[in-house]
Amino acid sequence: MPLEFQWPFPSTNKVPKKWAILSKIVIASVGGMSKFWIEWMNKLTIYNKSTIQKLVDGRPPNQPLITVCNHQCCIDDPFLWCTLRWRHLVTHNECMRWVSGATDICFTKSFHSKFFAYGRTVPTCRGDGVYQKGIDFLLEKLNDGEWVHVFPEGKVNMTHEFVRLKWGIGRLIAECRHLPVVLPMWHLGMDNVLPNTKPYIPLVGKKVTVLIGEPIDFREMLARLREAKKSPMEIRKQITDRIQSEFELLKKQAEELHFGAAPVVDPDIKKYPRTEDKTQDATKSEDTLHRQPEGTVTQDIQKRIKTKQ
């Protein structure tokens, strides 16, 4: 499905000054208002917040970052970025994520197209597959060492069912020149703040839980698949399956935390209660950023959420 309007981003490598200023204004205003609304007008608890803040702040130069999470309502992004510090959103927002956005929702009118483009939302067409201009653009940003966020469910999942993930995320990880840090997250309650029914007015006093996982290490998997001469399609599928498995475990843990089945933690502590912070300094080498081998992410998280009886 072709874009209804022209490609919304500057065609030159050097971003025009006017475009850059407008982008900073849109990100600061939307990000600031969203952070205020979700943190101060609702009941928010964030677990393991230091992980994403350190990755946004202190990745080595040219180290790409991919964050992935579930999609509950149409403003999950930007509400999700309450996990960041104010300066990430307002004064130093050049570090902010690029995110894929559906053309049939975000880019239906000229004004909407410009607004979302200034907010670093990249048009992607549902049904056009993994080889399309929007995915190519996101891959370019990763190759430049920037941060890309993806909702791999490919839609707002209003029923909360566990759906099959789209393979675009697999292509971004497999074809990136430098192995990206891949950080999974799961959240609950966003669709209570902004219900998916009219009149689409943000509400207050709702409980929101954001669970940030640990980076997934794809180094061994990619080496094994390439050594076996697997096709690009098979590689994309296995990468996506790995994220799907991680989502399944994060979902279970987030539901336990959100609905009270897990040990109660102090709501004023917006991270896992822990006797020591095992989150490594993100300024260390690229190898240390991919610190969690397959199958160990959730074991580490489970240890962090235990409290003394």
Protein backbone atom coordinates (compact mmCIF):
# COMPACT_ATOMS: atom_id res chain seq x y z
CA MET A 1 0.00 0.00 0.00
CA PRO A 2 1.70 3.25 -1.11
CA LEU A 3 2.03 6.27 1.12
CA GLU A 4 -0.75 8.77 0.58
CA PHE A 5 1.72 11.66 1.05
CA GLN A 6 5.36 12.09 0.14
CA TRP A 7 8.07 10.61 2.33
CA PRO A 8 8.04 12.85 5.42
CA PHE A 9 11.76 12.90 6.27
CA PRO A 10 14.51 15.07 4.78
CA SER A 11 16.14 13.40 1.80
CA THR A 12 19.63 14.67 2.63
CA ASN A 13 21.98 13.16 5.17
CA LYS A 14 22.31 16.54 6.87
CA VAL A 15 19.04 17.36 8.61
CA PRO A 16 17.88 20.97 7.94
CA LYS A 17 18.11 23.19 11.02
CA LYS A 18 14.40 24.09 10.91
CA TRP A 19 13.40 20.43 10.78
CA ALA A 20 15.70 19.58 13.69
CA ILE A 21 14.28 22.40 15.83
CA LEU A 22 10.67 21.40 15.14
CA SER A 23 11.51 17.80 15.92
CA LYS A 24 13.00 18.74 19.30
CA ILE A 25 9.89 20.84 20.10
CA VAL A 26 7.47 18.01 19.25
CA ILE A 27 9.44 15.39 21.20
CA ALA A 28 9.83 17.68 24.21
CA SER A 29 6.18 18.75 24.34
CA VAL A 30 4.62 15.33 23.74
CA GLY A 31 7.19 13.48 25.84
CA GLY A 32 6.96 15.95 28.72
CA MET A 33 3.17 15.97 28.84
CA SER A 34 3.04 12.18 28.61
CA LYS A 35 5.58 11.70 31.40
CA PHE A 36 3.67 14.12 33.64
CA TRP A 37 0.33 12.44 32.93
CA ILE A 38 1.43 8.85 33.45
CA GLU A 39 3.68 9.54 36.47
CA TRP A 40 1.71 12.18 38.37
CA MET A 41 -1.89 11.56 37.36
CA ASN A 42 -1.79 7.77 37.50
CA LYS A 43 -0.32 5.02 39.69
CA LEU A 44 2.85 3.98 37.93
CA THR A 45 5.39 1.35 38.96
CA ILE A 46 8.51 0.71 36.86
CA TYR A 47 10.78 -2.27 37.41
CA ASN A 48 14.44 -2.30 36.40
CA LYS A 49 14.34 1.29 35.13
CA SER A 50 18.09 1.77 35.47
CA THR A 51 18.74 -0.69 32.63
CA ILE A 52 17.11 1.38 29.91
CA GLN A 53 18.41 4.67 31.29
CA LYS A 54 21.99 3.42 31.21
CA LEU A 55 21.59 2.08 27.68
CA VAL A 56 20.11 5.35 26.43
CA ASP A 57 22.76 7.40 28.25
CA GLY A 58 25.96 5.46 27.98
CA ARG A 59 26.13 3.06 25.04
CA PRO A 60 29.47 3.02 23.27
CA PRO A 61 29.58 5.18 20.12
CA ASN A 62 27.88 3.54 17.11
CA GLN A 63 26.23 0.89 19.33
CA PRO A 64 22.64 0.45 18.09
CA LEU A 65 19.79 -0.15 20.53
CA ILE A 66 16.47 -1.89 19.83
CA THR A 67 13.67 -1.90 22.38
CA VAL A 68 10.62 -4.13 21.89
CA CYS A 69 7.37 -4.41 23.84
CA ASN A 70 3.68 -5.26 23.65
CA HIS A 71 1.13 -2.83 22.23
CA GLN A 72 -2.03 -2.13 24.28
CA CYS A 73 -3.23 1.30 23.15
CA CYS A 74 -2.44 3.97 20.60
CA ILE A 75 -0.34 6.06 22.99
CA ASP A 76 1.83 3.32 24.47
CA ASP A 77 4.44 5.40 22.76
CA PRO A 78 5.00 8.06 24.17
CA PHE A 79 3.68 6.92 27.60
CA LEU A 80 6.39 4.25 27.72
CA TRP A 81 9.13 6.84 27.89
CA CYS A 82 8.19 7.74 31.43
CA THR A 83 11.00 5.25 32.00
CA LEU A 84 13.48 7.94 30.90
CA ARG A 85 14.79 10.99 32.69
CA TRP A 86 13.34 14.43 31.99
CA ARG A 87 16.46 15.54 30.15
CA HIS A 88 16.10 12.63 27.71
CA LEU A 89 12.71 14.00 26.73
CA VAL A 90 13.22 17.75 26.94
CA THR A 91 16.74 19.12 26.81
CA HIS A 92 18.77 16.31 25.21
CA ASN A 93 16.13 14.53 23.17
CA GLU A 94 18.40 13.95 20.18
CA CYS A 95 19.02 10.55 21.83
CA MET A 96 15.33 9.59 21.57
CA ARG A 97 14.04 6.54 19.75
CA TRP A 98 12.79 6.12 16.22
CA VAL A 99 9.57 4.11 16.16
CA SER A 100 7.52 2.46 13.43
CA GLY A 101 3.99 3.77 12.93
CA ALA A 102 1.15 2.52 10.75
CA THR A 103 0.58 4.62 7.64
CA ASP A 104 -3.20 4.11 7.84
CA ILE A 105 -3.27 5.68 11.33
CA CYS A 106 -0.42 8.17 11.70
CA PHE A 107 0.06 9.34 8.11
CA THR A 108 -3.45 9.82 6.72
CA LYS A 109 -3.26 13.63 6.46
CA SER A 110 -0.47 16.04 5.59
CA PHE A 111 -0.43 17.67 9.04
CA HIS A 112 -0.45 14.29 10.81
CA SER A 113 2.36 13.08 8.58
CA LYS A 114 4.58 16.05 9.47
CA PHE A 115 3.72 15.90 13.18
CA PHE A 116 4.55 12.22 13.56
CA ALA A 117 7.68 12.56 11.45
CA TYR A 118 8.92 15.36 13.73
CA GLY A 119 8.28 12.94 16.60
CA ARG A 120 10.53 10.34 14.92
CA THR A 121 7.70 8.04 13.87
CA VAL A 122 8.53 6.14 10.68
CA PRO A 123 5.71 5.12 8.30
CA THR A 124 5.33 1.37 7.83
CA CYS A 125 2.63 -0.29 5.75
CA ARG A 126 0.86 -3.32 7.19
CA GLY A 127 0.98 -6.18 4.72
CA ASP A 128 3.98 -4.87 2.75
CA GLY A 129 6.37 -7.32 4.38
CA VAL A 130 9.85 -6.86 5.82
CA TYR A 131 11.31 -5.24 2.70
CA GLN A 132 9.73 -1.80 2.60
CA LYS A 133 10.97 1.77 2.84
CA GLY A 134 10.08 2.24 6.50
CA ILE A 135 12.03 -0.84 7.60
CA ASP A 136 14.95 0.18 5.39
CA PHE A 137 14.93 3.61 7.07
CA LEU A 138 14.94 2.10 10.57
CA LEU A 139 17.80 -0.18 9.58
CA GLU A 140 19.78 2.85 8.41
CA LYS A 141 19.24 4.50 11.80
CA LEU A 142 20.48 1.37 13.57
CA ASN A 143 23.53 1.29 11.35
CA ASP A 144 24.21 4.85 12.49
CA GLY A 145 24.19 3.65 16.11
CA GLU A 146 20.78 5.09 17.01
CA TRP A 147 17.87 3.75 19.04
CA VAL A 148 14.84 2.12 17.38
CA HIS A 149 11.68 0.98 19.17
CA VAL A 150 9.40 -1.65 17.63
CA PHE A 151 5.98 -3.02 18.55
CA PRO A 152 6.46 -6.46 16.95
CA GLU A 153 2.82 -7.45 17.43
CA GLY A 154 2.19 -5.13 14.49
CA LYS A 155 -1.07 -3.74 15.88
CA VAL A 156 -2.81 -2.53 19.02
CA ASN A 157 -3.64 -5.80 20.75
CA MET A 158 -6.96 -4.87 22.34
CA THR A 159 -7.81 -8.43 23.40
CA HIS A 160 -4.45 -8.98 25.17
CA GLU A 161 -4.16 -12.37 23.51
CA PHE A 162 -0.68 -13.71 22.85
CA VAL A 163 -0.25 -13.08 19.12
CA ARG A 164 2.38 -14.14 16.63
CA LEU A 165 5.07 -11.48 16.22
CA LYS A 166 5.92 -9.93 12.85
CA TRP A 167 9.26 -10.75 11.28
CA GLY A 168 10.36 -7.15 10.68
CA ILE A 169 12.15 -7.16 14.03
CA GLY A 170 14.08 -10.24 12.89
CA ARG A 171 15.32 -8.42 9.81
CA LEU A 172 16.45 -5.37 11.82
CA ILE A 173 18.54 -7.53 14.15
CA ALA A 174 19.91 -9.88 11.48
CA GLU A 175 20.91 -7.23 8.95
CA CYS A 176 22.27 -4.54 11.26
CA ARG A 177 26.00 -3.99 10.63
CA HIS A 178 26.76 -3.95 14.36
CA LEU A 179 24.90 -6.40 16.58
CA PRO A 180 22.31 -4.27 18.39
CA VAL A 181 21.50 -4.37 22.07
CA VAL A 182 17.95 -5.80 22.18
CA LEU A 183 15.96 -4.85 25.27
CA PRO A 184 12.50 -6.43 25.81
CA MET A 185 9.79 -4.82 27.95
CA TRP A 186 6.21 -5.59 28.95
CA HIS A 187 3.60 -3.22 30.30
CA LEU A 188 0.06 -3.43 31.68
CA GLY A 189 -2.60 -0.79 32.33
CA MET A 190 -1.86 1.64 29.51
CA ASP A 191 -5.21 0.89 27.91
CA ASN A 192 -6.92 1.80 31.18
CA VAL A 193 -5.32 5.23 31.03
CA LEU A 194 -6.45 5.65 27.42
CA PRO A 195 -9.24 3.16 26.64
CA ASN A 196 -9.49 1.88 23.08
CA THR A 197 -13.04 3.16 22.82
CA LYS A 198 -14.52 6.60 22.22
CA PRO A 199 -14.21 9.36 23.34
CA TYR A 200 -10.46 8.52 23.64
CA ILE A 201 -9.84 10.79 26.63
CA PRO A 202 -6.88 10.02 28.95
CA LEU A 203 -8.01 9.05 32.45
CA VAL A 204 -6.44 9.46 35.89
CA GLY A 205 -5.83 7.25 38.91
CA LYS A 206 -5.19 4.07 36.91
CA LYS A 207 -2.60 1.46 37.83
CA VAL A 208 0.20 1.04 35.29
CA THR A 209 3.07 -1.46 35.48
CA VAL A 210 6.16 -1.40 33.26
CA LEU A 211 8.56 -4.35 33.48
CA ILE A 212 11.90 -3.84 31.76
CA GLY A 213 13.77 -7.04 31.04
CA GLU A 214 17.45 -7.63 30.39
CA PRO A 215 19.21 -7.40 27.02
CA ILE A 216 18.94 -10.52 24.87
CA ASP A 217 22.20 -11.84 23.43
CA PHE A 218 21.78 -12.93 19.80
CA ARG A 219 25.49 -13.32 19.11
CA GLU A 220 25.67 -17.11 19.45
CA MET A 221 22.36 -17.68 17.68
CA LEU A 222 23.36 -15.59 14.67
CA ALA A 223 26.77 -17.24 14.45
CA ARG A 224 25.19 -20.69 14.57
CA LEU A 225 22.55 -19.88 11.95
CA ARG A 226 25.06 -18.30 9.58
CA GLU A 227 27.46 -21.19 9.98
CA ALA A 228 24.59 -23.54 9.08
CA LYS A 229 23.94 -21.35 6.00
CA LYS A 230 20.33 -20.76 6.94
CA SER A 231 18.30 -18.55 4.63
CA PRO A 232 17.54 -14.92 5.57
CA MET A 233 13.91 -15.94 6.10
CA GLU A 234 14.85 -18.72 8.53
CA ILE A 235 17.18 -16.39 10.42
CA ARG A 236 14.45 -13.75 10.75
CA LYS A 237 12.01 -16.39 11.95
CA GLN A 238 14.29 -17.80 14.64
CA ILE A 239 15.21 -14.34 15.93
CA THR A 240 11.54 -13.43 16.14
CA ASP A 241 10.74 -16.72 17.86
CA ARG A 242 13.41 -15.96 20.46
CA ILE A 243 11.79 -12.61 21.22
CA GLN A 244 8.37 -14.27 21.31
CA SER A 245 9.60 -16.69 23.97
CA GLU A 246 11.01 -13.83 26.01
CA PHE A 247 7.72 -11.93 25.71
CA GLU A 248 5.82 -14.94 27.02
CA LEU A 249 7.92 -15.03 30.18
CA LEU A 250 7.92 -11.27 30.68
CA LYS A 251 4.16 -11.19 30.25
CA LYS A 252 3.67 -13.75 33.01
CA GLN A 253 5.96 -11.88 35.39
CA ALA A 254 4.42 -8.50 34.61
CA GLU A 255 0.92 -9.87 35.27
CA GLU A 256 2.05 -11.27 38.61
CA LEU A 257 3.49 -7.91 39.58
CA HIS A 258 0.53 -5.92 38.28
CA PHE A 259 -2.25 -8.07 39.71
CA GLY A 260 -0.54 -8.85 43.01
CA ALA A 261 0.43 -12.52 42.69
CA ALA A 262 4.11 -11.68 43.14
CA PRO A 263 5.62 -10.42 46.40
CA VAL A 264 4.61 -6.86 47.18
CA VAL A 265 7.25 -4.21 46.56
CA ASP A 266 7.39 -0.62 47.73
CA PRO A 267 5.45 1.38 45.11
CA ASP A 268 7.80 4.32 45.65
CA ILE A 269 10.73 2.22 44.44
CA LYS A 270 10.46 2.24 40.66
CA LYS A 271 12.91 -0.62 40.11
CA TYR A 272 13.50 -4.11 41.39
CA PRO A 273 14.37 -4.21 45.09
CA ARG A 274 17.86 -5.62 45.17
CA THR A 275 20.77 -5.82 47.57
CA GLU A 276 23.14 -5.00 44.76
CA ASP A 277 22.67 -3.48 41.33
CA LYS A 278 23.85 -6.03 38.83
CA THR A 279 23.10 -3.73 35.88
CA GLN A 280 26.47 -3.26 34.29
CA ASP A 281 27.79 0.16 33.36
CA ALA A 282 26.57 0.78 29.81
CA THR A 283 29.82 2.59 29.00
CA LYS A 284 31.66 -0.74 28.98
CA SER A 285 32.55 -2.62 25.82
CA GLU A 286 29.98 -3.80 23.30
CA ASP A 287 30.49 -7.41 24.45
CA THR A 288 29.30 -6.64 27.98
CA LEU A 289 26.08 -5.10 26.70
CA HIS A 290 24.96 -8.43 25.25
CA ARG A 291 25.35 -10.04 28.64
CA GLN A 292 22.35 -12.37 28.86
CA PRO A 293 22.65 -15.69 26.98
CA GLU A 294 19.53 -17.42 25.78
CA GLY A 295 17.25 -18.73 28.49
CA THR A 296 18.74 -16.82 31.45
CA VAL A 297 16.98 -13.47 31.24
CA THR A 298 13.96 -14.35 33.29
CA GLN A 299 15.97 -16.21 35.93
CA ASP A 300 17.81 -12.97 36.64
CA ILE A 301 14.58 -10.96 36.76
CA GLN A 302 12.94 -13.45 39.09
CA LYS A 303 15.82 -13.12 41.55
CA ARG A 304 15.42 -9.34 41.52
CA ILE A 305 11.74 -9.29 42.40
CA LYS A 306 12.01 -11.57 45.44
CA THR A 307 11.55 -9.86 48.79
CA LYS A 308 11.95 -11.13 52.32
CA GLN A 309 8.82 -12.63 53.75
